[in-house]
């Protein structure tokens, strides 16, 4: 009980952290005057320091602002090991998606597409980490890279399809490997495949199809 209380307190203290407008500007890659306008217009909730004209923004308010504006989440907020809770425009977009890829650039690319669409996202950088998150997070859909160190995507795919309780999980393989490897992934149980580099619209379309209508293949 004490451990859980300490964890809860740590989470609360994290959300009570404040950011300077300059720090937010750096996160969002904008001029600090743009952040000042966001605060002045009421788009971003700011707190004026007593006796001074400077503002501070609670981390929780900043995260909420990013979600409302459908802006990319800074990587150091994503890589905390906690799922990113995205705004859900309607019930159909409440699905949980686990992104498994050892390349940060592709995790970011997938995040930008699916974050903007309102899905709940979590991330794994290798097969072992993925196994833990699949068991604890119970995702509705997984995007899976095939070429990863240690436990590769084929092994992760085989593991998932051997677990009866994970039978409903949709798997979209996103890989830079050739047609033979993508065909092998489908034979092992992938619901669809998408070659790298991918088209953003095609990625979003496939995710929507898999979650709402069933399996589909992308050559």
N, C-alpha and C. Protein backbone atom coordinates (compact mmCIF):
# COMPACT_ATOMS: atom_id res chain seq x y z
N UNK A 1 0.83 -1.20 0.00
CA UNK A 1 0.00 0.00 0.00
C UNK A 1 0.87 1.26 0.00
N UNK A 2 1.96 1.22 0.80
CA UNK A 2 2.85 2.37 0.86
C UNK A 2 3.49 2.63 -0.50
N UNK A 3 3.89 1.55 -1.19
CA UNK A 3 4.52 1.69 -2.51
C UNK A 3 3.57 2.39 -3.48
N UNK A 4 2.30 1.92 -3.52
CA UNK A 4 1.33 2.51 -4.44
C UNK A 4 1.06 3.97 -4.10
N UNK A 5 1.05 4.29 -2.81
CA UNK A 5 0.84 5.68 -2.39
C UNK A 5 1.99 6.55 -2.85
N UNK A 6 3.23 6.01 -2.76
CA UNK A 6 4.39 6.78 -3.20
C UNK A 6 4.37 6.99 -4.71
N UNK A 7 3.96 5.95 -5.46
CA UNK A 7 3.86 6.08 -6.91
C UNK A 7 2.84 7.14 -7.27
N UNK A 8 1.68 7.09 -6.60
CA UNK A 8 0.63 8.07 -6.88
C UNK A 8 1.11 9.48 -6.58
N UNK A 9 1.82 9.64 -5.46
CA UNK A 9 2.34 10.95 -5.09
C UNK A 9 3.34 11.44 -6.12
N UNK A 10 4.20 10.53 -6.61
CA UNK A 10 5.19 10.90 -7.63
C UNK A 10 4.50 11.36 -8.90
N UNK A 11 3.43 10.67 -9.29
CA UNK A 11 2.68 11.06 -10.49
C UNK A 11 2.06 12.44 -10.31
N UNK A 12 1.49 12.69 -9.12
CA UNK A 12 0.88 13.99 -8.85
C UNK A 12 1.92 15.10 -8.88
N UNK A 13 3.10 14.83 -8.28
CA UNK A 13 4.17 15.84 -8.29
C UNK A 13 4.66 16.11 -9.70
N UNK A 14 4.69 15.07 -10.54
CA UNK A 14 5.11 15.24 -11.93
C UNK A 14 4.16 16.17 -12.67
N UNK A 15 2.84 15.97 -12.44
CA UNK A 15 1.86 16.79 -13.13
C UNK A 15 1.85 18.22 -12.58
N UNK A 16 2.34 18.43 -11.34
CA UNK A 16 2.39 19.76 -10.77
C UNK A 16 3.63 20.53 -11.24
N UNK A 17 4.51 19.89 -11.98
CA UNK A 17 5.69 20.55 -12.52
C UNK A 17 5.25 21.69 -13.43
N UNK A 18 5.98 22.79 -13.40
CA UNK A 18 5.64 23.92 -14.25
C UNK A 18 6.70 24.14 -15.33
N UNK A 19 6.28 24.75 -16.42
CA UNK A 19 7.16 25.04 -17.54
C UNK A 19 7.14 26.54 -17.82
N UNK A 20 8.29 27.07 -18.22
CA UNK A 20 8.37 28.46 -18.64
C UNK A 20 7.88 28.56 -20.10
N UNK A 21 7.37 29.72 -20.50
CA UNK A 21 6.97 29.89 -21.90
C UNK A 21 8.10 29.56 -22.88
N UNK A 22 9.34 29.89 -22.51
CA UNK A 22 10.47 29.57 -23.39
C UNK A 22 10.66 28.07 -23.56
N UNK A 23 10.41 27.30 -22.50
CA UNK A 23 10.52 25.85 -22.58
C UNK A 23 9.43 25.27 -23.48
N UNK A 24 8.23 25.83 -23.36
CA UNK A 24 7.12 25.38 -24.21
C UNK A 24 7.40 25.73 -25.67
N UNK A 25 7.97 26.91 -25.89
CA UNK A 25 8.34 27.31 -27.25
C UNK A 25 9.32 26.33 -27.86
N UNK A 26 10.29 25.88 -27.06
CA UNK A 26 11.28 24.92 -27.56
C UNK A 26 10.62 23.58 -27.86
N UNK A 27 9.70 23.14 -26.98
CA UNK A 27 8.99 21.88 -27.21
C UNK A 27 8.20 21.93 -28.52
N UNK A 28 7.53 23.06 -28.76
CA UNK A 28 6.63 23.17 -29.91
C UNK A 28 7.30 23.74 -31.15
N UNK A 29 8.56 24.12 -31.03
CA UNK A 29 9.32 24.68 -32.14
C UNK A 29 8.64 25.94 -32.68
N UNK A 30 8.27 26.84 -31.76
CA UNK A 30 7.67 28.12 -32.13
C UNK A 30 8.41 29.23 -31.38
N UNK A 31 8.13 30.49 -31.74
CA UNK A 31 8.72 31.62 -31.03
C UNK A 31 8.03 31.78 -29.69
N UNK A 32 8.75 32.30 -28.69
CA UNK A 32 8.16 32.44 -27.36
C UNK A 32 6.97 33.41 -27.37
N UNK A 33 6.96 34.34 -28.33
CA UNK A 33 5.82 35.26 -28.42
C UNK A 33 4.55 34.51 -28.81
N UNK A 34 4.71 33.43 -29.59
CA UNK A 34 3.55 32.61 -29.95
C UNK A 34 2.95 31.97 -28.71
N UNK A 35 3.79 31.49 -27.82
CA UNK A 35 3.30 30.91 -26.56
C UNK A 35 2.60 31.96 -25.73
N UNK A 36 3.16 33.17 -25.70
CA UNK A 36 2.53 34.27 -24.96
C UNK A 36 1.14 34.57 -25.51
N UNK A 37 0.99 34.50 -26.83
CA UNK A 37 -0.33 34.72 -27.44
C UNK A 37 -1.30 33.61 -27.06
N UNK A 38 -0.81 32.37 -27.04
CA UNK A 38 -1.67 31.25 -26.62
C UNK A 38 -2.20 31.49 -25.22
N UNK A 39 -1.33 31.96 -24.35
CA UNK A 39 -1.74 32.22 -22.97
C UNK A 39 -2.72 33.39 -22.91
N UNK A 40 -2.38 34.48 -23.62
CA UNK A 40 -3.24 35.67 -23.61
C UNK A 40 -4.63 35.39 -24.18
N UNK A 41 -4.68 34.51 -25.19
CA UNK A 41 -5.97 34.18 -25.82
C UNK A 41 -6.76 33.13 -25.05
N UNK A 42 -6.16 32.58 -24.01
CA UNK A 42 -6.85 31.57 -23.22
C UNK A 42 -6.76 30.17 -23.78
N UNK A 43 -5.99 29.98 -24.87
CA UNK A 43 -5.82 28.64 -25.43
C UNK A 43 -4.99 27.75 -24.52
N UNK A 44 -3.99 28.35 -23.90
CA UNK A 44 -3.10 27.65 -22.98
C UNK A 44 -3.21 28.32 -21.62
N UNK A 45 -3.52 27.52 -20.61
CA UNK A 45 -3.72 28.07 -19.26
C UNK A 45 -2.39 28.41 -18.63
N UNK A 46 -2.20 29.67 -18.30
CA UNK A 46 -0.98 30.13 -17.67
C UNK A 46 -1.25 30.70 -16.30
N UNK A 47 -0.26 30.63 -15.42
CA UNK A 47 -0.38 31.15 -14.06
C UNK A 47 0.69 32.21 -13.86
N UNK A 48 0.23 33.44 -13.54
CA UNK A 48 1.18 34.55 -13.35
C UNK A 48 1.83 34.45 -11.97
N UNK A 49 3.15 34.60 -11.94
CA UNK A 49 3.87 34.53 -10.67
C UNK A 49 3.53 35.75 -9.84
N UNK A 50 3.28 35.57 -8.54
CA UNK A 50 2.92 36.70 -7.65
C UNK A 50 3.98 37.80 -7.70
N UNK A 51 3.51 39.04 -7.90
CA UNK A 51 4.40 40.19 -7.89
C UNK A 51 5.27 40.33 -9.13
N UNK A 52 5.08 39.42 -10.12
CA UNK A 52 5.89 39.49 -11.32
C UNK A 52 4.99 39.30 -12.54
N UNK A 53 5.48 39.68 -13.72
CA UNK A 53 4.68 39.53 -14.93
C UNK A 53 4.89 38.21 -15.64
N UNK A 54 5.79 37.37 -15.09
CA UNK A 54 6.12 36.11 -15.74
C UNK A 54 5.03 35.07 -15.53
N UNK A 55 4.88 34.21 -16.53
CA UNK A 55 3.90 33.14 -16.45
C UNK A 55 4.60 31.79 -16.31
N UNK A 56 3.88 30.85 -15.71
CA UNK A 56 4.29 29.45 -15.67
C UNK A 56 3.07 28.62 -16.09
N UNK A 57 3.33 27.48 -16.71
CA UNK A 57 2.26 26.59 -17.18
C UNK A 57 2.45 25.22 -16.54
N UNK A 58 1.38 24.69 -15.94
CA UNK A 58 1.46 23.35 -15.36
C UNK A 58 1.66 22.32 -16.46
N UNK A 59 2.49 21.31 -16.18
CA UNK A 59 2.74 20.26 -17.16
C UNK A 59 1.44 19.61 -17.60
N UNK A 60 0.53 19.37 -16.68
CA UNK A 60 -0.76 18.76 -17.00
C UNK A 60 -1.54 19.61 -17.99
N UNK A 61 -1.51 20.95 -17.79
CA UNK A 61 -2.21 21.86 -18.70
C UNK A 61 -1.55 21.88 -20.07
N UNK A 62 -0.23 21.79 -20.10
CA UNK A 62 0.49 21.76 -21.38
C UNK A 62 0.13 20.51 -22.17
N UNK A 63 0.12 19.35 -21.49
CA UNK A 63 -0.24 18.10 -22.16
C UNK A 63 -1.66 18.18 -22.70
N UNK A 64 -2.57 18.73 -21.89
CA UNK A 64 -3.97 18.86 -22.33
C UNK A 64 -4.06 19.78 -23.55
N UNK A 65 -3.28 20.86 -23.55
CA UNK A 65 -3.25 21.78 -24.69
C UNK A 65 -2.80 21.07 -25.96
N UNK A 66 -1.72 20.27 -25.86
CA UNK A 66 -1.22 19.53 -27.02
C UNK A 66 -2.27 18.58 -27.56
N UNK A 67 -2.97 17.92 -26.66
CA UNK A 67 -4.01 16.98 -27.08
C UNK A 67 -5.16 17.69 -27.77
N UNK A 68 -5.61 18.80 -27.19
CA UNK A 68 -6.73 19.56 -27.77
C UNK A 68 -6.38 20.13 -29.14
N UNK A 69 -5.13 20.55 -29.29
CA UNK A 69 -4.69 21.13 -30.56
C UNK A 69 -4.18 20.07 -31.54
N UNK A 70 -4.18 18.79 -31.09
CA UNK A 70 -3.68 17.67 -31.91
C UNK A 70 -2.25 17.95 -32.40
N UNK A 71 -1.43 18.44 -31.46
CA UNK A 71 -0.03 18.71 -31.75
C UNK A 71 0.82 17.55 -31.27
N UNK A 72 1.98 17.30 -31.92
CA UNK A 72 2.84 16.18 -31.51
C UNK A 72 3.27 16.28 -30.05
N UNK A 73 3.28 15.14 -29.38
CA UNK A 73 3.74 15.09 -27.99
C UNK A 73 5.27 15.05 -27.96
N UNK A 74 5.93 15.92 -27.18
CA UNK A 74 7.39 15.87 -27.08
C UNK A 74 7.87 14.48 -26.70
N UNK A 75 8.98 14.05 -27.30
CA UNK A 75 9.44 12.68 -27.14
C UNK A 75 9.74 12.33 -25.68
N UNK A 76 10.27 13.27 -24.90
CA UNK A 76 10.61 12.93 -23.53
C UNK A 76 9.38 12.77 -22.66
N UNK A 77 8.21 13.25 -23.14
CA UNK A 77 6.96 12.97 -22.44
C UNK A 77 6.39 11.62 -22.85
N UNK A 78 6.72 11.19 -24.07
CA UNK A 78 6.25 9.89 -24.56
C UNK A 78 7.06 8.76 -23.96
N UNK A 79 8.39 8.90 -23.93
CA UNK A 79 9.27 7.82 -23.51
C UNK A 79 9.41 7.71 -22.00
N UNK A 80 8.32 7.94 -21.26
CA UNK A 80 8.34 7.77 -19.82
C UNK A 80 7.89 6.38 -19.41
N UNK A 81 7.49 5.56 -20.42
CA UNK A 81 7.01 4.23 -20.11
C UNK A 81 5.51 4.20 -19.86
N UNK A 82 4.85 5.37 -19.89
CA UNK A 82 3.42 5.43 -19.66
C UNK A 82 2.70 5.65 -20.97
N UNK A 83 1.50 5.06 -21.14
CA UNK A 83 0.74 5.28 -22.36
C UNK A 83 0.39 6.74 -22.52
N UNK A 84 0.37 7.24 -23.74
CA UNK A 84 -0.08 8.59 -24.02
C UNK A 84 -1.57 8.55 -24.22
N UNK A 85 -2.31 9.24 -23.37
CA UNK A 85 -3.76 9.26 -23.48
C UNK A 85 -4.15 10.39 -24.43
N UNK A 86 -4.67 10.06 -25.56
CA UNK A 86 -5.02 11.05 -26.56
C UNK A 86 -6.50 11.38 -26.49
N UNK A 87 -6.91 12.58 -26.94
CA UNK A 87 -8.32 12.92 -26.93
C UNK A 87 -9.08 11.99 -27.86
N UNK A 88 -10.27 11.59 -27.45
CA UNK A 88 -11.07 10.66 -28.24
C UNK A 88 -12.27 11.39 -28.81
N UNK A 89 -12.27 11.73 -30.11
CA UNK A 89 -13.37 12.47 -30.71
C UNK A 89 -14.69 11.74 -30.62
N UNK A 90 -14.71 10.43 -30.77
CA UNK A 90 -15.94 9.65 -30.63
C UNK A 90 -15.56 8.23 -30.27
N UNK A 91 -16.57 7.42 -29.93
CA UNK A 91 -16.31 6.09 -29.38
C UNK A 91 -15.48 5.22 -30.30
N UNK A 92 -15.63 5.40 -31.62
CA UNK A 92 -14.92 4.55 -32.57
C UNK A 92 -13.41 4.70 -32.48
N UNK A 93 -12.93 5.84 -31.94
CA UNK A 93 -11.49 6.09 -31.89
C UNK A 93 -10.92 5.88 -30.49
N UNK A 94 -11.59 5.06 -29.67
CA UNK A 94 -11.10 4.83 -28.31
C UNK A 94 -10.15 3.64 -28.26
N UNK A 95 -9.78 3.11 -29.40
CA UNK A 95 -8.94 1.92 -29.44
C UNK A 95 -7.54 2.20 -28.90
N UNK A 96 -6.96 1.16 -28.29
CA UNK A 96 -5.60 1.22 -27.77
C UNK A 96 -4.66 0.60 -28.80
N UNK A 97 -3.60 1.32 -29.14
CA UNK A 97 -2.65 0.87 -30.16
C UNK A 97 -1.25 0.82 -29.55
N UNK A 98 -0.57 -0.31 -29.74
CA UNK A 98 0.81 -0.45 -29.31
C UNK A 98 1.72 -0.40 -30.53
N UNK A 99 2.64 0.54 -30.55
CA UNK A 99 3.58 0.72 -31.65
C UNK A 99 4.91 0.05 -31.27
N UNK A 100 5.31 -0.96 -32.04
CA UNK A 100 6.54 -1.70 -31.75
C UNK A 100 7.53 -1.47 -32.89
N UNK A 101 8.60 -0.74 -32.61
CA UNK A 101 9.62 -0.46 -33.61
C UNK A 101 10.88 -0.01 -32.90
N UNK A 102 12.03 -0.53 -33.30
CA UNK A 102 13.27 -0.16 -32.63
C UNK A 102 13.83 1.17 -33.13
N UNK A 103 13.28 1.70 -34.22
CA UNK A 103 13.76 2.97 -34.77
C UNK A 103 12.90 4.13 -34.26
N UNK A 104 13.53 5.05 -33.54
CA UNK A 104 12.82 6.19 -32.98
C UNK A 104 12.13 7.00 -34.06
N UNK A 105 12.78 7.17 -35.20
CA UNK A 105 12.20 7.99 -36.27
C UNK A 105 10.87 7.41 -36.75
N UNK A 106 10.78 6.09 -36.83
CA UNK A 106 9.52 5.48 -37.26
C UNK A 106 8.47 5.48 -36.16
N UNK A 107 8.91 5.33 -34.90
CA UNK A 107 7.93 5.45 -33.81
C UNK A 107 7.32 6.85 -33.83
N UNK A 108 8.16 7.84 -34.07
CA UNK A 108 7.67 9.22 -34.14
C UNK A 108 6.74 9.42 -35.33
N UNK A 109 7.10 8.85 -36.48
CA UNK A 109 6.29 9.02 -37.69
C UNK A 109 4.91 8.40 -37.50
N UNK A 110 4.86 7.20 -36.91
CA UNK A 110 3.58 6.54 -36.66
C UNK A 110 2.78 7.32 -35.61
N UNK A 111 3.50 7.79 -34.59
CA UNK A 111 2.83 8.57 -33.54
C UNK A 111 2.13 9.80 -34.11
N UNK A 112 2.82 10.51 -34.99
CA UNK A 112 2.24 11.74 -35.54
C UNK A 112 0.93 11.48 -36.26
N UNK A 113 0.87 10.37 -36.99
CA UNK A 113 -0.35 10.04 -37.74
C UNK A 113 -1.48 9.63 -36.81
N UNK A 114 -1.19 8.70 -35.90
CA UNK A 114 -2.24 8.12 -35.07
C UNK A 114 -2.62 9.01 -33.89
N UNK A 115 -1.66 9.78 -33.39
CA UNK A 115 -1.97 10.73 -32.32
C UNK A 115 -2.99 11.75 -32.80
N UNK A 116 -2.77 12.26 -34.01
CA UNK A 116 -3.68 13.26 -34.55
C UNK A 116 -5.07 12.72 -34.80
N UNK A 117 -5.20 11.40 -34.97
CA UNK A 117 -6.51 10.79 -35.20
C UNK A 117 -7.24 10.47 -33.91
N UNK A 118 -6.58 10.65 -32.77
CA UNK A 118 -7.26 10.48 -31.50
C UNK A 118 -7.13 9.13 -30.85
N UNK A 119 -6.22 8.29 -31.29
CA UNK A 119 -6.06 6.97 -30.68
C UNK A 119 -5.20 7.04 -29.41
N UNK A 120 -5.40 6.07 -28.51
CA UNK A 120 -4.56 5.92 -27.33
C UNK A 120 -3.32 5.12 -27.71
N UNK A 121 -2.16 5.67 -27.45
CA UNK A 121 -0.92 5.07 -27.93
C UNK A 121 0.01 4.65 -26.80
N UNK A 122 0.71 3.54 -27.03
CA UNK A 122 1.81 3.13 -26.18
C UNK A 122 2.92 2.65 -27.11
N UNK A 123 4.15 2.54 -26.59
CA UNK A 123 5.30 2.29 -27.45
C UNK A 123 6.23 1.25 -26.84
N UNK A 124 6.85 0.46 -27.72
CA UNK A 124 7.88 -0.50 -27.33
C UNK A 124 8.99 -0.45 -28.36
N UNK A 125 10.24 -0.51 -27.88
CA UNK A 125 11.39 -0.37 -28.77
C UNK A 125 12.03 -1.69 -29.14
N UNK A 126 11.56 -2.80 -28.53
CA UNK A 126 12.10 -4.11 -28.88
C UNK A 126 11.07 -5.18 -28.52
N UNK A 127 11.37 -6.42 -28.94
CA UNK A 127 10.42 -7.50 -28.75
C UNK A 127 10.15 -7.85 -27.31
N UNK A 128 11.18 -7.77 -26.45
CA UNK A 128 11.00 -8.11 -25.04
C UNK A 128 10.09 -7.10 -24.35
N UNK A 129 10.35 -5.82 -24.60
CA UNK A 129 9.52 -4.77 -24.04
C UNK A 129 8.09 -4.90 -24.55
N UNK A 130 7.97 -5.27 -25.81
CA UNK A 130 6.65 -5.46 -26.40
C UNK A 130 5.87 -6.55 -25.69
N UNK A 131 6.54 -7.65 -25.35
CA UNK A 131 5.85 -8.75 -24.68
C UNK A 131 5.23 -8.32 -23.37
N UNK A 132 5.95 -7.51 -22.62
CA UNK A 132 5.43 -7.01 -21.35
C UNK A 132 4.22 -6.11 -21.57
N UNK A 133 4.34 -5.20 -22.55
CA UNK A 133 3.26 -4.24 -22.77
C UNK A 133 2.03 -4.89 -23.39
N UNK A 134 2.22 -5.94 -24.17
CA UNK A 134 1.08 -6.66 -24.72
C UNK A 134 0.29 -7.33 -23.60
N UNK A 135 1.02 -7.90 -22.65
CA UNK A 135 0.37 -8.62 -21.54
C UNK A 135 -0.34 -7.66 -20.59
N UNK A 136 0.27 -6.51 -20.33
CA UNK A 136 -0.30 -5.59 -19.35
C UNK A 136 -1.25 -4.58 -19.95
N UNK A 137 -1.01 -4.20 -21.22
CA UNK A 137 -1.80 -3.13 -21.82
C UNK A 137 -3.01 -3.59 -22.60
N UNK A 138 -3.03 -4.86 -23.02
CA UNK A 138 -4.15 -5.42 -23.79
C UNK A 138 -4.54 -4.51 -24.96
N UNK A 139 -3.64 -4.26 -25.91
CA UNK A 139 -3.96 -3.37 -27.04
C UNK A 139 -5.00 -3.98 -27.96
N UNK A 140 -5.72 -3.11 -28.67
CA UNK A 140 -6.69 -3.56 -29.68
C UNK A 140 -5.98 -3.80 -31.01
N UNK A 141 -4.91 -3.05 -31.25
CA UNK A 141 -4.15 -3.17 -32.49
C UNK A 141 -2.69 -2.94 -32.20
N UNK A 142 -1.84 -3.66 -32.93
CA UNK A 142 -0.39 -3.52 -32.80
C UNK A 142 0.20 -3.20 -34.17
N UNK A 143 1.07 -2.19 -34.22
CA UNK A 143 1.89 -2.00 -35.42
C UNK A 143 3.24 -2.62 -35.09
N UNK A 144 3.74 -3.46 -35.98
CA UNK A 144 4.90 -4.29 -35.66
C UNK A 144 5.97 -4.22 -36.74
N UNK A 145 7.17 -3.82 -36.34
CA UNK A 145 8.34 -3.88 -37.21
C UNK A 145 8.87 -5.31 -37.19
N UNK A 146 9.48 -5.76 -38.27
CA UNK A 146 10.01 -7.11 -38.33
C UNK A 146 11.48 -7.19 -37.94
N UNK A 147 12.25 -6.19 -38.32
CA UNK A 147 13.70 -6.21 -38.07
C UNK A 147 14.01 -5.49 -36.77
N UNK A 148 14.17 -6.27 -35.69
CA UNK A 148 14.52 -5.70 -34.39
C UNK A 148 15.57 -6.59 -33.74
N UNK A 149 16.46 -5.99 -32.93
CA UNK A 149 17.47 -6.80 -32.23
C UNK A 149 16.83 -7.70 -31.19
N UNK A 150 17.47 -8.82 -30.91
CA UNK A 150 16.93 -9.73 -29.90
C UNK A 150 15.74 -10.49 -30.46
N UNK A 151 14.59 -10.30 -29.85
CA UNK A 151 13.35 -10.93 -30.29
C UNK A 151 12.80 -10.15 -31.48
N UNK A 152 12.84 -10.73 -32.69
CA UNK A 152 12.42 -9.97 -33.87
C UNK A 152 10.91 -10.02 -34.05
N UNK A 153 10.43 -9.30 -35.07
CA UNK A 153 9.00 -9.18 -35.29
C UNK A 153 8.32 -10.50 -35.62
N UNK A 154 8.99 -11.39 -36.31
CA UNK A 154 8.41 -12.70 -36.63
C UNK A 154 8.13 -13.48 -35.34
N UNK A 155 9.08 -13.42 -34.39
CA UNK A 155 8.90 -14.14 -33.13
C UNK A 155 7.79 -13.52 -32.29
N UNK A 156 7.72 -12.20 -32.29
CA UNK A 156 6.64 -11.51 -31.57
C UNK A 156 5.29 -11.90 -32.17
N UNK A 157 5.22 -11.91 -33.49
CA UNK A 157 4.00 -12.27 -34.20
C UNK A 157 3.56 -13.70 -33.86
N UNK A 158 4.50 -14.62 -33.90
CA UNK A 158 4.19 -16.01 -33.58
C UNK A 158 3.71 -16.15 -32.14
N UNK A 159 4.36 -15.43 -31.23
CA UNK A 159 3.96 -15.48 -29.82
C UNK A 159 2.52 -15.01 -29.64
N UNK A 160 2.18 -13.89 -30.27
CA UNK A 160 0.83 -13.34 -30.11
C UNK A 160 -0.21 -14.32 -30.63
N UNK A 161 0.05 -14.90 -31.79
CA UNK A 161 -0.94 -15.78 -32.41
C UNK A 161 -1.05 -17.13 -31.70
N UNK A 162 -0.14 -17.42 -30.79
CA UNK A 162 -0.22 -18.66 -30.01
C UNK A 162 -1.00 -18.47 -28.71
N UNK A 163 -1.37 -17.21 -28.41
CA UNK A 163 -2.09 -16.92 -27.17
C UNK A 163 -3.58 -16.75 -27.47
N UNK A 164 -4.42 -17.67 -27.01
CA UNK A 164 -5.87 -17.57 -27.29
C UNK A 164 -6.50 -16.26 -26.82
N UNK A 165 -6.00 -15.73 -25.70
CA UNK A 165 -6.59 -14.50 -25.16
C UNK A 165 -6.26 -13.27 -26.01
N UNK A 166 -5.31 -13.43 -26.94
CA UNK A 166 -4.93 -12.31 -27.81
C UNK A 166 -5.45 -12.48 -29.24
N UNK A 167 -6.36 -13.42 -29.41
CA UNK A 167 -6.86 -13.74 -30.76
C UNK A 167 -7.50 -12.54 -31.45
N UNK A 168 -8.10 -11.65 -30.67
CA UNK A 168 -8.81 -10.52 -31.26
C UNK A 168 -7.90 -9.34 -31.60
N UNK A 169 -6.64 -9.40 -31.17
CA UNK A 169 -5.72 -8.29 -31.43
C UNK A 169 -5.38 -8.23 -32.91
N UNK A 170 -5.58 -7.08 -33.51
CA UNK A 170 -5.22 -6.87 -34.91
C UNK A 170 -3.73 -6.52 -34.99
N UNK A 171 -3.07 -7.04 -36.01
CA UNK A 171 -1.63 -6.80 -36.17
C UNK A 171 -1.35 -6.24 -37.56
N UNK A 172 -0.78 -5.06 -37.59
CA UNK A 172 -0.36 -4.42 -38.83
C UNK A 172 1.16 -4.39 -38.86
N UNK A 173 1.76 -5.19 -39.72
CA UNK A 173 3.22 -5.21 -39.86
C UNK A 173 3.65 -4.05 -40.74
N UNK A 174 4.59 -3.25 -40.23
CA UNK A 174 5.15 -2.13 -40.99
C UNK A 174 6.65 -2.37 -41.06
N UNK A 175 7.13 -2.69 -42.26
CA UNK A 175 8.53 -3.15 -42.37
C UNK A 175 9.16 -2.71 -43.69
N UNK A 176 10.48 -2.56 -43.64
CA UNK A 176 11.23 -2.25 -44.84
C UNK A 176 11.75 -3.48 -45.55
N UNK A 177 11.40 -4.67 -45.05
CA UNK A 177 11.83 -5.90 -45.70
C UNK A 177 11.05 -6.13 -46.99
N UNK A 178 11.48 -7.10 -47.78
CA UNK A 178 10.90 -7.32 -49.10
C UNK A 178 9.58 -8.06 -49.09
N UNK A 179 8.99 -8.26 -50.28
CA UNK A 179 7.68 -8.91 -50.42
C UNK A 179 7.63 -10.32 -49.82
N UNK A 180 8.72 -11.08 -49.92
CA UNK A 180 8.72 -12.43 -49.37
C UNK A 180 8.56 -12.41 -47.86
N UNK A 181 9.26 -11.49 -47.19
CA UNK A 181 9.16 -11.40 -45.74
C UNK A 181 7.77 -10.91 -45.31
N UNK A 182 7.21 -9.97 -46.08
CA UNK A 182 5.87 -9.48 -45.76
C UNK A 182 4.84 -10.60 -45.94
N UNK A 183 5.02 -11.42 -46.98
CA UNK A 183 4.13 -12.56 -47.19
C UNK A 183 4.26 -13.56 -46.05
N UNK A 184 5.50 -13.77 -45.56
CA UNK A 184 5.72 -14.66 -44.43
C UNK A 184 5.00 -14.14 -43.19
N UNK A 185 5.04 -12.82 -43.00
CA UNK A 185 4.36 -12.23 -41.84
C UNK A 185 2.85 -12.47 -41.92
N UNK A 186 2.28 -12.33 -43.11
CA UNK A 186 0.84 -12.60 -43.26
C UNK A 186 0.54 -14.07 -42.99
N UNK A 187 1.44 -14.95 -43.42
CA UNK A 187 1.24 -16.38 -43.20
C UNK A 187 1.30 -16.71 -41.70
N UNK A 188 2.08 -15.94 -40.95
CA UNK A 188 2.19 -16.17 -39.51
C UNK A 188 1.04 -15.55 -38.73
N UNK A 189 0.21 -14.77 -39.41
CA UNK A 189 -0.96 -14.24 -38.72
C UNK A 189 -1.13 -12.74 -38.74
N UNK A 190 -0.27 -12.01 -39.45
CA UNK A 190 -0.48 -10.56 -39.55
C UNK A 190 -1.76 -10.29 -40.33
N UNK A 191 -2.53 -9.32 -39.87
CA UNK A 191 -3.79 -8.98 -40.55
C UNK A 191 -3.55 -8.12 -41.78
N UNK A 192 -2.45 -7.39 -41.79
CA UNK A 192 -2.12 -6.54 -42.93
C UNK A 192 -0.64 -6.21 -42.87
N UNK A 193 -0.08 -5.81 -44.01
CA UNK A 193 1.31 -5.37 -44.06
C UNK A 193 1.41 -4.06 -44.80
N UNK A 194 2.39 -3.26 -44.40
CA UNK A 194 2.61 -1.95 -45.01
C UNK A 194 4.11 -1.75 -45.16
N UNK A 195 4.59 -1.55 -46.38
CA UNK A 195 6.04 -1.38 -46.56
C UNK A 195 6.53 0.00 -46.12
N UNK A 196 7.76 0.04 -45.63
CA UNK A 196 8.43 1.31 -45.34
C UNK A 196 9.21 1.75 -46.57
N UNK A 197 9.30 3.06 -46.81
CA UNK A 197 8.59 4.13 -46.10
C UNK A 197 7.11 4.11 -46.47
N UNK A 198 6.27 4.48 -45.54
CA UNK A 198 4.82 4.37 -45.76
C UNK A 198 4.19 5.74 -46.03
N UNK A 199 3.02 5.68 -46.62
CA UNK A 199 2.21 6.88 -46.84
C UNK A 199 1.31 7.08 -45.62
N UNK A 200 1.28 8.29 -45.09
CA UNK A 200 0.52 8.55 -43.87
C UNK A 200 -0.97 8.22 -44.02
N UNK A 201 -1.54 8.61 -45.15
CA UNK A 201 -2.96 8.35 -45.36
C UNK A 201 -3.24 6.86 -45.44
N UNK A 202 -2.33 6.12 -46.06
CA UNK A 202 -2.52 4.68 -46.17
C UNK A 202 -2.42 4.02 -44.80
N UNK A 203 -1.50 4.50 -43.97
CA UNK A 203 -1.39 3.97 -42.61
C UNK A 203 -2.68 4.19 -41.84
N UNK A 204 -3.18 5.40 -41.85
CA UNK A 204 -4.40 5.70 -41.11
C UNK A 204 -5.58 4.90 -41.65
N UNK A 205 -5.65 4.79 -42.96
CA UNK A 205 -6.74 4.04 -43.58
C UNK A 205 -6.71 2.56 -43.17
N UNK A 206 -5.52 1.97 -43.17
CA UNK A 206 -5.39 0.57 -42.78
C UNK A 206 -5.78 0.36 -41.31
N UNK A 207 -5.33 1.25 -40.44
CA UNK A 207 -5.66 1.14 -39.02
C UNK A 207 -7.17 1.19 -38.83
N UNK A 208 -7.82 2.14 -39.50
CA UNK A 208 -9.27 2.27 -39.38
C UNK A 208 -9.98 1.02 -39.91
N UNK A 209 -9.50 0.49 -41.03
CA UNK A 209 -10.12 -0.71 -41.59
C UNK A 209 -9.96 -1.91 -40.67
N UNK A 210 -8.77 -2.08 -40.12
CA UNK A 210 -8.52 -3.23 -39.26
C UNK A 210 -9.36 -3.16 -37.99
N UNK A 211 -9.52 -1.99 -37.45
CA UNK A 211 -10.26 -1.85 -36.21
C UNK A 211 -11.77 -1.95 -36.40
N UNK A 212 -12.23 -1.62 -37.60
CA UNK A 212 -13.68 -1.54 -37.77
C UNK A 212 -14.27 -2.59 -38.70
N UNK A 213 -13.47 -3.07 -39.66
CA UNK A 213 -14.06 -4.00 -40.63
C UNK A 213 -13.33 -5.32 -40.73
N UNK A 214 -12.11 -5.41 -40.13
CA UNK A 214 -11.39 -6.68 -40.22
C UNK A 214 -10.10 -6.56 -40.98
N UNK A 215 -9.54 -7.69 -41.35
CA UNK A 215 -8.22 -7.72 -41.96
C UNK A 215 -8.22 -7.21 -43.40
N UNK A 216 -7.05 -6.66 -43.75
CA UNK A 216 -6.84 -6.17 -45.11
C UNK A 216 -5.36 -6.29 -45.39
N UNK A 217 -4.96 -6.34 -46.63
CA UNK A 217 -3.55 -6.44 -46.98
C UNK A 217 -3.10 -5.24 -47.77
N UNK A 218 -1.87 -4.80 -47.49
CA UNK A 218 -1.26 -3.73 -48.27
C UNK A 218 0.00 -4.28 -48.89
N UNK A 219 0.12 -4.19 -50.17
CA UNK A 219 1.32 -4.70 -50.86
C UNK A 219 2.36 -3.59 -50.92
